[in-house]
Amino acid sequence: MALVALAATSAAEASRKSYAVHRDLNYDLGSPPRPPSTPEMNYLDIYRPRGARAKRSPLVVWIHGGGWRKGDKRVGIGKKAKLFTRKGYVLASVNYRLSAAPFDPGNPDPNRVRFPAQPNDVAEAIGWLRAHAADYGIDRRRIILIGHSAGAHLAALLGTDPKYLRAYGVPFRHIAGFITLDPPAFDIAAAADPDRSRRPEEGREMLWNAFGTPEENEVWGLWKEASPIEFAGPNDPPALMITQADNRQRMTDHRLMAEALGRNPARVVLPLPLDHRQIGRVLGIPRDVYGETAAVEDFIRRVARTAVPSRR
């Protein structure tokens, strides 16, 4: 009887949610990942507004964090799904291939998951979502990217370098905007370079794991290719960048990125009195006194209403 009651309660709770869920959708478009994906990667979940009409809704794509080596599309997603679906948006939460953990910088596995696997995967997921837009009530011309930490870096990279999305048939002009929640870096080349970076050794090794060690970078030059600041320009989509007010390095990184985008940092950078984890967790909480949720809501409302501009 207890199990029956629990099932009935869960069903009742689900019926009260503002969204319907489609879980673990394989977003493969015919480009097998190399190295091969683990079973839980290369899948996405879709959250649709419950009772939505037949009209197409803007698509918000959530990209999780975790240092490019851990994390999952379901972590902390409930309040974000509620936030976005109640505003009438479709939310897709995306997994992507993750780098090795643990990582030995002295003897790195040359076959480990490494850049550009991560942006390629997210771009493929967006290509799949556009291809199935009619099935899920998505307006494929209004796509907003948002991510936390490593996911914020990927949102910025896809929002500034068109080649990943174009490889999967996604016009760059259909990215209505991107939101970054405290990425570790916009300039991977500067952050990963032991001769230039002031980051602790652990932080540099996290970058080496995902984007190549200094020796690997000498051969492939991946650090520059992975740096959103290298591609940022005034013709890129609108951006909202949220970071830690008390972190001088992050504030400098965000100011430089805003200037590379040709934007006034005071208008596009939102410093908050929160730490890195809190910035990821506050979004969507009831009575957000810090203003993060309101800023994200306002930004998406503005860019989702704007006609698709003519961009590269």
C-alpha atoms as a PDB file:
ATOM      1  CA  MET A   1       0.000   0.000   0.000  1.00  0.00           C
ATOM      2  CA  ALA A   2       2.873   2.388   0.817  1.00  0.00           C
ATOM      3  CA  LEU A   3       4.401   1.890  -2.629  1.00  0.00           C
ATOM      4  CA  VAL A   4       1.039   2.472  -4.312  1.00  0.00           C
ATOM      5  CA  ALA A   5       0.516   5.638  -2.283  1.00  0.00           C
ATOM      6  CA  LEU A   6       4.026   6.843  -3.131  1.00  0.00           C
ATOM      7  CA  ALA A   7       3.457   6.228  -6.838  1.00  0.00           C
ATOM      8  CA  ALA A   8       0.147   8.083  -6.690  1.00  0.00           C
ATOM      9  CA  THR A   9       1.791  10.997  -4.897  1.00  0.00           C
ATOM     10  CA  SER A  10       4.625  11.130  -7.437  1.00  0.00           C
ATOM     11  CA  ALA A  11       2.129  11.116 -10.292  1.00  0.00           C
ATOM     12  CA  ALA A  12       0.160  13.904  -8.656  1.00  0.00           C
ATOM     13  CA  GLU A  13       3.326  15.963  -8.155  1.00  0.00           C
ATOM     14  CA  ALA A  14       4.329  15.405 -11.779  1.00  0.00           C
ATOM     15  CA  SER A  15       0.925  16.586 -12.959  1.00  0.00           C
ATOM     16  CA  ARG A  16       1.407  19.855 -11.045  1.00  0.00           C
ATOM     17  CA  LYS A  17       4.730  20.620 -12.737  1.00  0.00           C
ATOM     18  CA  SER A  18       4.875  23.379 -15.301  1.00  0.00           C
ATOM     19  CA  TYR A  19       6.504  21.078 -17.814  1.00  0.00           C
ATOM     20  CA  ALA A  20       6.473  17.713 -19.537  1.00  0.00           C
ATOM     21  CA  VAL A  21       9.803  15.883 -19.802  1.00  0.00           C
ATOM     22  CA  HIS A  22      11.348  13.900 -22.651  1.00  0.00           C
ATOM     23  CA  ARG A  23      14.434  12.204 -21.244  1.00  0.00           C
ATOM     24  CA  ASP A  24      17.566  10.649 -22.698  1.00  0.00           C
ATOM     25  CA  LEU A  25      17.071  11.523 -26.339  1.00  0.00           C
ATOM     26  CA  ASN A  26      20.014  10.417 -28.474  1.00  0.00           C
ATOM     27  CA  TYR A  27      21.126  13.419 -30.506  1.00  0.00           C
ATOM     28  CA  ASP A  28      23.355  11.522 -32.942  1.00  0.00           C
ATOM     29  CA  LEU A  29      23.255  12.999 -36.454  1.00  0.00           C
ATOM     30  CA  GLY A  30      25.493  10.417 -38.029  1.00  0.00           C
ATOM     31  CA  SER A  31      28.888  11.570 -36.772  1.00  0.00           C
ATOM     32  CA  PRO A  32      30.099   8.909 -34.323  1.00  0.00           C
ATOM     33  CA  PRO A  33      32.162  10.495 -31.546  1.00  0.00           C
ATOM     34  CA  ARG A  34      35.854   9.713 -31.439  1.00  0.00           C
ATOM     35  CA  PRO A  35      36.871   8.536 -28.940  1.00  0.00           C
ATOM     36  CA  PRO A  36      33.617   6.595 -28.482  1.00  0.00           C
ATOM     37  CA  SER A  37      31.009   8.011 -26.160  1.00  0.00           C
ATOM     38  CA  THR A  38      30.120   6.385 -22.880  1.00  0.00           C
ATOM     39  CA  PRO A  39      26.434   5.385 -22.655  1.00  0.00           C
ATOM     40  CA  GLU A  40      25.319   8.395 -20.623  1.00  0.00           C
ATOM     41  CA  MET A  41      26.936  10.978 -22.886  1.00  0.00           C
ATOM     42  CA  ASN A  42      25.552  12.412 -26.151  1.00  0.00           C
ATOM     43  CA  TYR A  43      21.999  12.479 -24.830  1.00  0.00           C
ATOM     44  CA  LEU A  44      19.736  15.367 -23.983  1.00  0.00           C
ATOM     45  CA  ASP A  45      16.534  15.998 -22.047  1.00  0.00           C
ATOM     46  CA  ILE A  46      13.741  18.306 -23.209  1.00  0.00           C
ATOM     47  CA  TYR A  47      11.383  20.178 -20.887  1.00  0.00           C
ATOM     48  CA  ARG A  48       8.270  21.564 -22.599  1.00  0.00           C
ATOM     49  CA  PRO A  49       5.707  23.945 -21.109  1.00  0.00           C
ATOM     50  CA  ARG A  50       2.718  21.893 -20.033  1.00  0.00           C
ATOM     51  CA  GLY A  51      -0.416  22.766 -21.950  1.00  0.00           C
ATOM     52  CA  ALA A  52       1.504  24.858 -24.469  1.00  0.00           C
ATOM     53  CA  ARG A  53      -0.253  25.782 -27.651  1.00  0.00           C
ATOM     54  CA  ALA A  54       0.849  24.695 -31.092  1.00  0.00           C
ATOM     55  CA  LYS A  55       2.929  27.842 -31.569  1.00  0.00           C
ATOM     56  CA  ARG A  56       6.678  27.467 -31.622  1.00  0.00           C
ATOM     57  CA  SER A  57       8.534  28.508 -28.459  1.00  0.00           C
ATOM     58  CA  PRO A  58      12.071  29.890 -28.100  1.00  0.00           C
ATOM     59  CA  LEU A  59      14.608  27.229 -27.180  1.00  0.00           C
ATOM     60  CA  VAL A  60      16.894  27.613 -24.162  1.00  0.00           C
ATOM     61  CA  VAL A  61      19.874  25.215 -24.248  1.00  0.00           C
ATOM     62  CA  TRP A  62      21.418  24.482 -20.839  1.00  0.00           C
ATOM     63  CA  ILE A  63      25.080  23.329 -20.830  1.00  0.00           C
ATOM     64  CA  HIS A  64      26.225  21.910 -17.490  1.00  0.00           C
ATOM     65  CA  GLY A  65      29.551  22.585 -15.814  1.00  0.00           C
ATOM     66  CA  GLY A  66      32.087  20.354 -14.111  1.00  0.00           C
ATOM     67  CA  GLY A  67      35.523  21.334 -15.392  1.00  0.00           C
ATOM     68  CA  TRP A  68      34.897  19.571 -18.731  1.00  0.00           C
ATOM     69  CA  ARG A  69      35.501  16.284 -16.865  1.00  0.00           C
ATOM     70  CA  LYS A  70      32.367  15.687 -14.799  1.00  0.00           C
ATOM     71  CA  GLY A  71      28.764  16.806 -14.477  1.00  0.00           C
ATOM     72  CA  ASP A  72      25.438  15.756 -15.928  1.00  0.00           C
ATOM     73  CA  LYS A  73      22.415  17.269 -17.658  1.00  0.00           C
ATOM     74  CA  ARG A  74      20.098  16.503 -14.719  1.00  0.00           C
ATOM     75  CA  VAL A  75      22.130  18.090 -11.919  1.00  0.00           C
ATOM     76  CA  GLY A  76      20.218  21.051 -10.469  1.00  0.00           C
ATOM     77  CA  ILE A  77      17.955  21.239 -13.504  1.00  0.00           C
ATOM     78  CA  GLY A  78      14.560  21.120 -11.740  1.00  0.00           C
ATOM     79  CA  LYS A  79      14.340  24.768 -10.729  1.00  0.00           C
ATOM     80  CA  LYS A  80      15.706  25.865 -14.095  1.00  0.00           C
ATOM     81  CA  ALA A  81      13.120  23.756 -15.932  1.00  0.00           C
ATOM     82  CA  LYS A  82      10.392  25.349 -13.835  1.00  0.00           C
ATOM     83  CA  LEU A  83      11.782  28.835 -14.429  1.00  0.00           C
ATOM     84  CA  PHE A  84      12.019  28.601 -18.205  1.00  0.00           C
ATOM     85  CA  THR A  85       8.922  26.548 -18.972  1.00  0.00           C
ATOM     86  CA  ARG A  86       6.753  28.857 -16.865  1.00  0.00           C
ATOM     87  CA  LYS A  87       7.954  31.664 -19.113  1.00  0.00           C
ATOM     88  CA  GLY A  88       6.837  29.695 -22.154  1.00  0.00           C
ATOM     89  CA  TYR A  89      10.255  28.486 -23.335  1.00  0.00           C
ATOM     90  CA  VAL A  90      11.360  24.979 -24.249  1.00  0.00           C
ATOM     91  CA  LEU A  91      14.452  23.944 -22.262  1.00  0.00           C
ATOM     92  CA  ALA A  92      16.957  21.370 -23.498  1.00  0.00           C
ATOM     93  CA  SER A  93      19.652  20.145 -21.101  1.00  0.00           C
ATOM     94  CA  VAL A  94      22.605  18.607 -22.923  1.00  0.00           C
ATOM     95  CA  ASN A  95      25.303  16.106 -22.028  1.00  0.00           C
ATOM     96  CA  TYR A  96      28.626  16.042 -23.872  1.00  0.00           C
ATOM     97  CA  ARG A  97      31.765  13.927 -23.774  1.00  0.00           C
ATOM     98  CA  LEU A  98      33.953  14.500 -20.729  1.00  0.00           C
ATOM     99  CA  SER A  99      37.715  14.427 -20.321  1.00  0.00           C
ATOM    100  CA  ALA A 100      39.646  11.942 -18.220  1.00  0.00           C
ATOM    101  CA  ALA A 101      39.368  11.882 -14.445  1.00  0.00           C
ATOM    102  CA  PRO A 102      41.831  11.472 -12.830  1.00  0.00           C
ATOM    103  CA  PHE A 103      44.352  13.081 -15.162  1.00  0.00           C
ATOM    104  CA  ASP A 104      48.138  12.636 -15.108  1.00  0.00           C
ATOM    105  CA  PRO A 105      49.742  15.709 -16.728  1.00  0.00           C
ATOM    106  CA  GLY A 106      53.095  13.934 -16.815  1.00  0.00           C
ATOM    107  CA  ASN A 107      51.703  11.039 -18.816  1.00  0.00           C
ATOM    108  CA  PRO A 108      48.488  12.179 -20.523  1.00  0.00           C
ATOM    109  CA  ASP A 109      46.446   9.678 -22.469  1.00  0.00           C
ATOM    110  CA  PRO A 110      46.676  10.835 -26.103  1.00  0.00           C
ATOM    111  CA  ASN A 111      43.329   9.153 -26.805  1.00  0.00           C
ATOM    112  CA  ARG A 112      41.413  10.865 -24.016  1.00  0.00           C
ATOM    113  CA  VAL A 113      38.373  13.024 -24.737  1.00  0.00           C
ATOM    114  CA  ARG A 114      39.763  16.431 -25.593  1.00  0.00           C
ATOM    115  CA  PHE A 115      38.823  19.642 -27.384  1.00  0.00           C
ATOM    116  CA  PRO A 116      37.077  20.086 -29.808  1.00  0.00           C
ATOM    117  CA  ALA A 117      34.916  17.125 -28.725  1.00  0.00           C
ATOM    118  CA  GLN A 118      32.926  19.254 -26.244  1.00  0.00           C
ATOM    119  CA  PRO A 119      31.729  22.086 -28.544  1.00  0.00           C
ATOM    120  CA  ASN A 120      31.214  19.605 -31.373  1.00  0.00           C
ATOM    121  CA  ASP A 121      28.875  17.563 -29.173  1.00  0.00           C
ATOM    122  CA  VAL A 122      26.842  20.561 -28.014  1.00  0.00           C
ATOM    123  CA  ALA A 123      26.590  21.851 -31.590  1.00  0.00           C
ATOM    124  CA  GLU A 124      25.414  18.432 -32.749  1.00  0.00           C
ATOM    125  CA  ALA A 125      22.762  18.454 -30.028  1.00  0.00           C
ATOM    126  CA  ILE A 126      21.535  21.849 -31.242  1.00  0.00           C
ATOM    127  CA  GLY A 127      21.496  20.568 -34.805  1.00  0.00           C
ATOM    128  CA  TRP A 128      19.368  17.628 -33.667  1.00  0.00           C
ATOM    129  CA  LEU A 129      17.003  19.948 -31.810  1.00  0.00           C
ATOM    130  CA  ARG A 130      16.527  22.068 -34.922  1.00  0.00           C
ATOM    131  CA  ALA A 131      15.908  18.962 -37.013  1.00  0.00           C
ATOM    132  CA  HIS A 132      13.204  17.871 -34.545  1.00  0.00           C
ATOM    133  CA  ALA A 133      11.854  21.333 -33.784  1.00  0.00           C
ATOM    134  CA  ALA A 134       8.353  20.534 -35.036  1.00  0.00           C
ATOM    135  CA  ASP A 135       8.140  17.500 -32.728  1.00  0.00           C
ATOM    136  CA  TYR A 136       8.763  19.562 -29.592  1.00  0.00           C
ATOM    137  CA  GLY A 137       7.211  22.946 -30.399  1.00  0.00           C
ATOM    138  CA  ILE A 138      10.550  24.704 -30.869  1.00  0.00           C
ATOM    139  CA  ASP A 139      11.107  27.901 -32.809  1.00  0.00           C
ATOM    140  CA  ARG A 140      14.399  26.976 -34.435  1.00  0.00           C
ATOM    141  CA  ARG A 141      15.157  30.603 -35.276  1.00  0.00           C
ATOM    142  CA  ARG A 142      15.294  31.675 -31.611  1.00  0.00           C
ATOM    143  CA  ILE A 143      17.925  29.738 -29.673  1.00  0.00           C
ATOM    144  CA  ILE A 144      19.466  30.984 -26.423  1.00  0.00           C
ATOM    145  CA  LEU A 145      22.582  29.305 -24.994  1.00  0.00           C
ATOM    146  CA  ILE A 146      23.255  29.271 -21.257  1.00  0.00           C
ATOM    147  CA  GLY A 147      25.802  27.408 -19.178  1.00  0.00           C
ATOM    148  CA  HIS A 148      27.586  27.390 -15.845  1.00  0.00           C
ATOM    149  CA  SER A 149      31.351  27.079 -15.360  1.00  0.00           C
ATOM    150  CA  ALA A 150      32.748  24.836 -18.134  1.00  0.00           C
ATOM    151  CA  GLY A 151      29.307  24.954 -19.728  1.00  0.00           C
ATOM    152  CA  ALA A 152      29.521  28.752 -19.733  1.00  0.00           C
ATOM    153  CA  HIS A 153      32.794  28.547 -21.650  1.00  0.00           C
ATOM    154  CA  LEU A 154      31.085  26.309 -24.233  1.00  0.00           C
ATOM    155  CA  ALA A 155      28.115  28.677 -24.505  1.00  0.00           C
ATOM    156  CA  ALA A 156      30.530  31.555 -25.172  1.00  0.00           C
ATOM    157  CA  LEU A 157      32.527  29.565 -27.707  1.00  0.00           C
ATOM    158  CA  LEU A 158      29.429  28.504 -29.655  1.00  0.00           C
ATOM    159  CA  GLY A 159      28.149  32.073 -29.408  1.00  0.00           C
ATOM    160  CA  THR A 160      31.285  33.537 -30.986  1.00  0.00           C
ATOM    161  CA  ASP A 161      32.765  30.899 -33.326  1.00  0.00           C
ATOM    162  CA  PRO A 162      30.168  29.861 -35.958  1.00  0.00           C
ATOM    163  CA  LYS A 163      31.981  26.811 -37.329  1.00  0.00           C
ATOM    164  CA  TYR A 164      30.676  24.316 -34.771  1.00  0.00           C
ATOM    165  CA  LEU A 165      27.007  25.097 -35.348  1.00  0.00           C
ATOM    166  CA  ARG A 166      27.386  25.454 -39.097  1.00  0.00           C
ATOM    167  CA  ALA A 167      28.818  21.936 -39.248  1.00  0.00           C
ATOM    168  CA  TYR A 168      25.386  20.706 -38.132  1.00  0.00           C
ATOM    169  CA  GLY A 169      23.285  23.010 -40.285  1.00  0.00           C
ATOM    170  CA  VAL A 170      22.551  25.642 -37.638  1.00  0.00           C
ATOM    171  CA  PRO A 171      22.693  29.216 -39.032  1.00  0.00           C
ATOM    172  CA  PHE A 172      24.647  31.430 -36.688  1.00  0.00           C
ATOM    173  CA  ARG A 173      21.991  34.135 -36.984  1.00  0.00           C
ATOM    174  CA  HIS A 174      19.533  31.814 -35.225  1.00  0.00           C
ATOM    175  CA  ILE A 175      21.470  32.118 -31.955  1.00  0.00           C
ATOM    176  CA  ALA A 176      19.452  34.886 -30.313  1.00  0.00           C
ATOM    177  CA  GLY A 177      21.885  35.295 -27.428  1.00  0.00           C
ATOM    178  CA  PHE A 178      24.153  33.555 -24.941  1.00  0.00           C
ATOM    179  CA  ILE A 179      24.457  33.702 -21.153  1.00  0.00           C
ATOM    180  CA  THR A 180      27.555  32.709 -19.210  1.00  0.00           C
ATOM    181  CA  LEU A 181      27.494  31.911 -15.501  1.00  0.00           C
ATOM    182  CA  ASP A 182      31.051  32.328 -14.205  1.00  0.00           C
ATOM    183  CA  PRO A 183      33.202  30.468 -16.760  1.00  0.00           C
ATOM    184  CA  PRO A 184      36.764  29.562 -15.679  1.00  0.00           C
ATOM    185  CA  ALA A 185      38.179  31.519 -18.629  1.00  0.00           C
ATOM    186  CA  PHE A 186      37.354  33.192 -21.921  1.00  0.00           C
ATOM    187  CA  ASP A 187      41.034  33.157 -22.888  1.00  0.00           C
ATOM    188  CA  ILE A 188      42.094  29.521 -22.574  1.00  0.00           C
ATOM    189  CA  ALA A 189      45.502  30.265 -24.116  1.00  0.00           C
ATOM    190  CA  ALA A 190      46.376  32.757 -21.380  1.00  0.00           C
ATOM    191  CA  ALA A 191      44.850  30.703 -18.572  1.00  0.00           C
ATOM    192  CA  ALA A 192      46.588  27.438 -19.532  1.00  0.00           C
ATOM    193  CA  ASP A 193      50.048  28.853 -20.223  1.00  0.00           C
ATOM    194  CA  PRO A 194      52.274  28.185 -17.181  1.00  0.00           C
ATOM    195  CA  ASP A 195      54.414  31.194 -18.114  1.00  0.00           C
ATOM    196  CA  ARG A 196      51.458  33.619 -18.245  1.00  0.00           C
ATOM    197  CA  SER A 197      48.823  32.235 -15.915  1.00  0.00           C
ATOM    198  CA  ARG A 198      48.566  33.073 -12.234  1.00  0.00           C
ATOM    199  CA  ARG A 199      46.177  30.202 -11.655  1.00  0.00           C
ATOM    200  CA  PRO A 200      47.075  27.443  -9.190  1.00  0.00           C
ATOM    201  CA  GLU A 201      48.614  24.326 -10.702  1.00  0.00           C
ATOM    202  CA  GLU A 202      45.378  22.360 -10.237  1.00  0.00           C
ATOM    203  CA  GLY A 203      43.471  24.913 -12.297  1.00  0.00           C
ATOM    204  CA  ARG A 204      45.977  24.775 -15.133  1.00  0.00           C
ATOM    205  CA  GLU A 205      45.937  20.968 -15.155  1.00  0.00           C
ATOM    206  CA  MET A 206      42.141  20.993 -15.492  1.00  0.00           C
ATOM    207  CA  LEU A 207      42.598  23.074 -18.646  1.00  0.00           C
ATOM    208  CA  TRP A 208      45.414  20.840 -19.913  1.00  0.00           C
ATOM    209  CA  ASN A 209      43.193  17.816 -19.499  1.00  0.00           C
ATOM    210  CA  ALA A 210      40.437  19.312 -21.658  1.00  0.00           C
ATOM    211  CA  PHE A 211      42.444  21.393 -24.139  1.00  0.00           C
ATOM    212  CA  GLY A 212      45.899  19.843 -24.243  1.00  0.00           C
ATOM    213  CA  THR A 213      49.091  20.035 -22.208  1.00  0.00           C
ATOM    214  CA  PRO A 214      51.711  22.633 -23.164  1.00  0.00           C
ATOM    215  CA  GLU A 215      53.486  19.955 -25.204  1.00  0.00           C
ATOM    216  CA  GLU A 216      50.266  18.957 -26.966  1.00  0.00           C
ATOM    217  CA  ASN A 217      49.420  22.586 -27.605  1.00  0.00           C
ATOM    218  CA  GLU A 218      52.758  23.042 -29.357  1.00  0.00           C
ATOM    219  CA  VAL A 219      51.659  20.392 -31.855  1.00  0.00           C
ATOM    220  CA  TRP A 220      47.937  21.149 -32.282  1.00  0.00           C
ATOM    221  CA  GLY A 221      47.494  24.736 -31.117  1.00  0.00           C
ATOM    222  CA  LEU A 222      44.205  23.959 -29.392  1.00  0.00           C
ATOM    223  CA  TRP A 223      44.356  26.631 -26.674  1.00  0.00           C
ATOM    224  CA  LYS A 224      43.793  29.521 -29.061  1.00  0.00           C
ATOM    225  CA  GLU A 225      41.053  27.627 -30.926  1.00  0.00           C
ATOM    226  CA  ALA A 226      39.277  26.984 -27.625  1.00  0.00           C
ATOM    227  CA  SER A 227      39.339  30.659 -26.549  1.00  0.00           C
ATOM    228  CA  PRO A 228      36.040  32.518 -27.116  1.00  0.00           C
ATOM    229  CA  ILE A 229      37.852  35.843 -26.793  1.00  0.00           C
ATOM    230  CA  GLU A 230      39.770  35.049 -29.992  1.00  0.00           C
ATOM    231  CA  PHE A 231      36.521  34.991 -31.999  1.00  0.00           C
ATOM    232  CA  ALA A 232      34.443  37.613 -30.180  1.00  0.00           C
ATOM    233  CA  GLY A 233      33.305  40.612 -32.184  1.00  0.00           C
ATOM    234  CA  PRO A 234      30.559  43.225 -32.484  1.00  0.00           C
ATOM    235  CA  ASN A 235      28.499  41.090 -34.875  1.00  0.00           C
ATOM    236  CA  ASP A 236      28.110  38.262 -32.348  1.00  0.00           C
ATOM    237  CA  PRO A 237      24.789  37.582 -30.599  1.00  0.00           C
ATOM    238  CA  PRO A 238      23.824  39.592 -27.503  1.00  0.00           C
ATOM    239  CA  ALA A 239      25.483  38.372 -24.326  1.00  0.00           C
ATOM    240  CA  LEU A 240      24.874  38.417 -20.579  1.00  0.00           C
ATOM    241  CA  MET A 241      27.879  37.447 -18.467  1.00  0.00           C
ATOM    242  CA  ILE A 242      27.471  36.830 -14.731  1.00  0.00           C
ATOM    243  CA  THR A 243      30.463  36.440 -12.453  1.00  0.00           C
ATOM    244  CA  GLN A 244      31.882  36.838  -8.935  1.00  0.00           C
ATOM    245  CA  ALA A 245      32.155  40.460  -7.844  1.00  0.00           C
ATOM    246  CA  ASP A 246      34.952  39.647  -5.378  1.00  0.00           C
ATOM    247  CA  ASN A 247      37.130  37.701  -7.833  1.00  0.00           C
ATOM    248  CA  ARG A 248      39.531  40.154  -9.461  1.00  0.00           C
ATOM    249  CA  GLN A 249      40.719  37.700 -12.102  1.00  0.00           C
ATOM    250  CA  ARG A 250      37.180  36.836 -13.185  1.00  0.00           C
ATOM    251  CA  MET A 251      36.196  40.494 -13.295  1.00  0.00           C
ATOM    252  CA  THR A 252      39.190  41.296 -15.518  1.00  0.00           C
ATOM    253  CA  ASP A 253      38.410  38.334 -17.793  1.00  0.00           C
ATOM    254  CA  HIS A 254      34.806  39.463 -18.154  1.00  0.00           C
ATOM    255  CA  ARG A 255      35.726  43.078 -18.863  1.00  0.00           C
ATOM    256  CA  LEU A 256      38.137  41.993 -21.609  1.00  0.00           C
ATOM    257  CA  MET A 257      35.543  39.665 -23.121  1.00  0.00           C
ATOM    258  CA  ALA A 258      32.906  42.389 -23.137  1.00  0.00           C
ATOM    259  CA  GLU A 259      35.325  44.754 -24.862  1.00  0.00           C
ATOM    260  CA  ALA A 260      36.203  42.068 -27.431  1.00  0.00           C
ATOM    261  CA  LEU A 261      32.474  41.801 -28.159  1.00  0.00           C
ATOM    262  CA  GLY A 262      32.362  45.545 -28.653  1.00  0.00           C
ATOM    263  CA  ARG A 263      30.037  45.977 -25.670  1.00  0.00           C
ATOM    264  CA  ASN A 264      30.140  48.181 -22.603  1.00  0.00           C
ATOM    265  CA  PRO A 265      31.142  45.922 -19.679  1.00  0.00           C
ATOM    266  CA  ALA A 266      28.775  47.835 -17.398  1.00  0.00           C
ATOM    267  CA  ARG A 267      25.865  46.750 -19.596  1.00  0.00           C
ATOM    268  CA  VAL A 268      26.687  43.088 -20.258  1.00  0.00           C
ATOM    269  CA  VAL A 269      28.622  41.973 -17.147  1.00  0.00           C
ATOM    270  CA  LEU A 270      26.678  41.360 -13.941  1.00  0.00           C
ATOM    271  CA  PRO A 271      28.944  40.998 -10.868  1.00  0.00           C
ATOM    272  CA  LEU A 272      27.256  39.308  -7.918  1.00  0.00           C
ATOM    273  CA  PRO A 273      28.280  38.800  -4.263  1.00  0.00           C
ATOM    274  CA  LEU A 274      28.251  35.016  -4.776  1.00  0.00           C
ATOM    275  CA  ASP A 275      30.908  32.336  -5.139  1.00  0.00           C
ATOM    276  CA  HIS A 276      31.303  30.055  -8.136  1.00  0.00           C
ATOM    277  CA  ARG A 277      28.974  27.298  -6.923  1.00  0.00           C
ATOM    278  CA  GLN A 278      26.333  29.727  -5.726  1.00  0.00           C
ATOM    279  CA  ILE A 279      26.114  31.398  -9.126  1.00  0.00           C
ATOM    280  CA  GLY A 280      25.179  28.033 -10.609  1.00  0.00           C
ATOM    281  CA  ARG A 281      22.672  27.226  -7.883  1.00  0.00           C
ATOM    282  CA  VAL A 282      20.860  30.542  -7.419  1.00  0.00           C
ATOM    283  CA  LEU A 283      19.332  30.682 -10.893  1.00  0.00           C
ATOM    284  CA  GLY A 284      15.650  29.852 -10.627  1.00  0.00           C
ATOM    285  CA  ILE A 285      15.335  29.776  -6.844  1.00  0.00           C
ATOM    286  CA  PRO A 286      12.214  31.410  -5.396  1.00  0.00           C
ATOM    287  CA  ARG A 287      12.779  34.958  -4.140  1.00  0.00           C
ATOM    288  CA  ASP A 288      16.243  35.336  -5.631  1.00  0.00           C
ATOM    289  CA  VAL A 289      17.414  38.426  -3.741  1.00  0.00           C
ATOM    290  CA  TYR A 290      20.656  38.669  -5.733  1.00  0.00           C
ATOM    291  CA  GLY A 291      18.973  39.523  -9.025  1.00  0.00           C
ATOM    292  CA  GLU A 292      20.523  36.732 -11.074  1.00  0.00           C
ATOM    293  CA  THR A 293      17.208  35.109 -11.996  1.00  0.00           C
ATOM    294  CA  ALA A 294      15.595  38.440 -12.866  1.00  0.00           C
ATOM    295  CA  ALA A 295      18.559  39.435 -15.059  1.00  0.00           C
ATOM    296  CA  VAL A 296      18.441  36.139 -16.964  1.00  0.00           C
ATOM    297  CA  GLU A 297      14.662  36.384 -17.392  1.00  0.00           C
ATOM    298  CA  ASP A 298      14.906  39.937 -18.676  1.00  0.00           C
ATOM    299  CA  PHE A 299      17.741  39.119 -21.082  1.00  0.00           C
ATOM    300  CA  ILE A 300      15.950  36.122 -22.612  1.00  0.00           C
ATOM    301  CA  ARG A 301      12.692  38.031 -22.888  1.00  0.00           C
ATOM    302  CA  ARG A 302      14.444  40.821 -24.798  1.00  0.00           C
ATOM    303  CA  VAL A 303      16.445  38.643 -27.204  1.00  0.00           C
ATOM    304  CA  ALA A 304      13.581  36.209 -27.802  1.00  0.00           C
ATOM    305  CA  ARG A 305      11.339  39.071 -28.914  1.00  0.00           C
ATOM    306  CA  THR A 306      13.912  40.597 -31.230  1.00  0.00           C
ATOM    307  CA  ALA A 307      13.720  39.765 -34.930  1.00  0.00           C
ATOM    308  CA  VAL A 308      16.605  37.595 -36.095  1.00  0.00           C
ATOM    309  CA  PRO A 309      19.334  40.081 -37.067  1.00  0.00           C
ATOM    310  CA  SER A 310      21.634  39.751 -40.021  1.00  0.00           C
ATOM    311  CA  ARG A 311      24.832  38.276 -38.622  1.00  0.00           C
ATOM    312  CA  ARG A 312      27.677  36.290 -40.039  1.00  0.00           C
END
